[in-house]
Amino acid sequence: MGALLPAAFTYDPSPDFGASPTPFILMMAAGFVIGVVGHVVRAKGLVVLGIGLIFLATFLLPLVTNVRSS
């Protein structure tokens, strides 16, 4: 375990994730738009959906994509 810790923090200036960031950026933008609309119309469900999309696009899906390509 101790040998893996430094390997997890090495800097790679050109990582190869194997996926284009465009779908993630579009999903994040859609999440922001849905969240703002949810705030304007005071619909908690839309706000939650927007936050969920932002979370998926910025953390969960890129993490899954990175783990699968390794």
Protein backbone atom coordinates (compact mmCIF):
# COMPACT_ATOMS: atom_id res chain seq x y z
CA MET A 1 0.00 0.00 0.00
CA GLY A 2 2.83 2.39 0.82
CA ALA A 3 4.38 1.91 -2.63
CA LEU A 4 1.09 2.72 -4.39
CA LEU A 5 0.57 6.02 -2.61
CA PRO A 6 3.36 7.97 -4.39
CA ALA A 7 2.24 6.50 -7.74
CA ALA A 8 -1.24 7.94 -7.20
CA PHE A 9 0.16 11.48 -6.95
CA THR A 10 2.55 11.52 -9.91
CA TYR A 11 1.91 14.28 -12.42
CA ASP A 12 1.21 13.30 -16.02
CA PRO A 13 1.29 16.39 -18.26
CA SER A 14 -0.62 14.68 -21.06
CA PRO A 15 -2.97 12.07 -19.62
CA ASP A 16 -4.74 9.76 -22.05
CA PHE A 17 -8.25 9.29 -20.71
CA GLY A 18 -9.53 7.76 -23.92
CA ALA A 19 -12.60 9.99 -24.05
CA SER A 20 -13.40 13.40 -25.41
CA PRO A 21 -14.36 15.95 -22.73
CA THR A 22 -17.11 17.43 -24.95
CA PRO A 23 -19.96 15.17 -23.69
CA PHE A 24 -19.01 15.88 -20.08
CA ILE A 25 -18.94 19.63 -20.68
CA LEU A 26 -22.31 19.54 -22.46
CA MET A 27 -23.85 17.49 -19.63
CA MET A 28 -22.47 19.91 -17.05
CA ALA A 29 -23.84 22.91 -18.97
CA ALA A 30 -27.24 21.21 -19.23
CA GLY A 31 -27.14 20.61 -15.47
CA PHE A 32 -26.50 24.29 -14.82
CA VAL A 33 -29.33 25.33 -17.15
CA ILE A 34 -31.77 22.86 -15.58
CA GLY A 35 -30.73 23.95 -12.09
CA VAL A 36 -31.24 27.63 -12.90
CA VAL A 37 -34.64 26.93 -14.46
CA GLY A 38 -35.53 24.92 -11.36
CA HIS A 39 -34.64 27.87 -9.14
CA VAL A 40 -36.62 30.30 -11.31
CA VAL A 41 -39.79 28.20 -11.30
CA ARG A 42 -39.16 27.01 -7.72
CA ALA A 43 -39.21 23.32 -8.63
CA LYS A 44 -37.04 21.35 -6.23
CA GLY A 45 -37.02 18.34 -8.54
CA LEU A 46 -35.40 20.31 -11.35
CA VAL A 47 -32.80 21.76 -8.98
CA VAL A 48 -31.94 18.26 -7.75
CA LEU A 49 -31.78 16.98 -11.33
CA GLY A 50 -29.46 19.82 -12.31
CA ILE A 51 -27.16 19.19 -9.35
CA GLY A 52 -27.16 15.48 -10.17
CA LEU A 53 -26.18 16.10 -13.78
CA ILE A 54 -23.37 18.42 -12.71
CA PHE A 55 -22.09 15.78 -10.26
CA LEU A 56 -22.25 13.06 -12.90
CA ALA A 57 -20.50 15.16 -15.53
CA THR A 58 -17.73 16.53 -13.33
CA PHE A 59 -16.91 13.59 -11.09
CA LEU A 60 -18.63 10.25 -11.51
CA LEU A 61 -18.58 9.64 -15.28
CA PRO A 62 -15.00 10.89 -15.79
CA LEU A 63 -13.90 8.69 -12.89
CA VAL A 64 -15.60 5.64 -14.37
CA THR A 65 -14.14 6.40 -17.80
CA ASN A 66 -10.65 6.77 -16.35
CA VAL A 67 -10.89 3.54 -14.32
CA ARG A 68 -12.21 1.57 -17.29
CA SER A 69 -9.42 2.78 -19.60
CA SER A 70 -6.70 1.71 -17.16
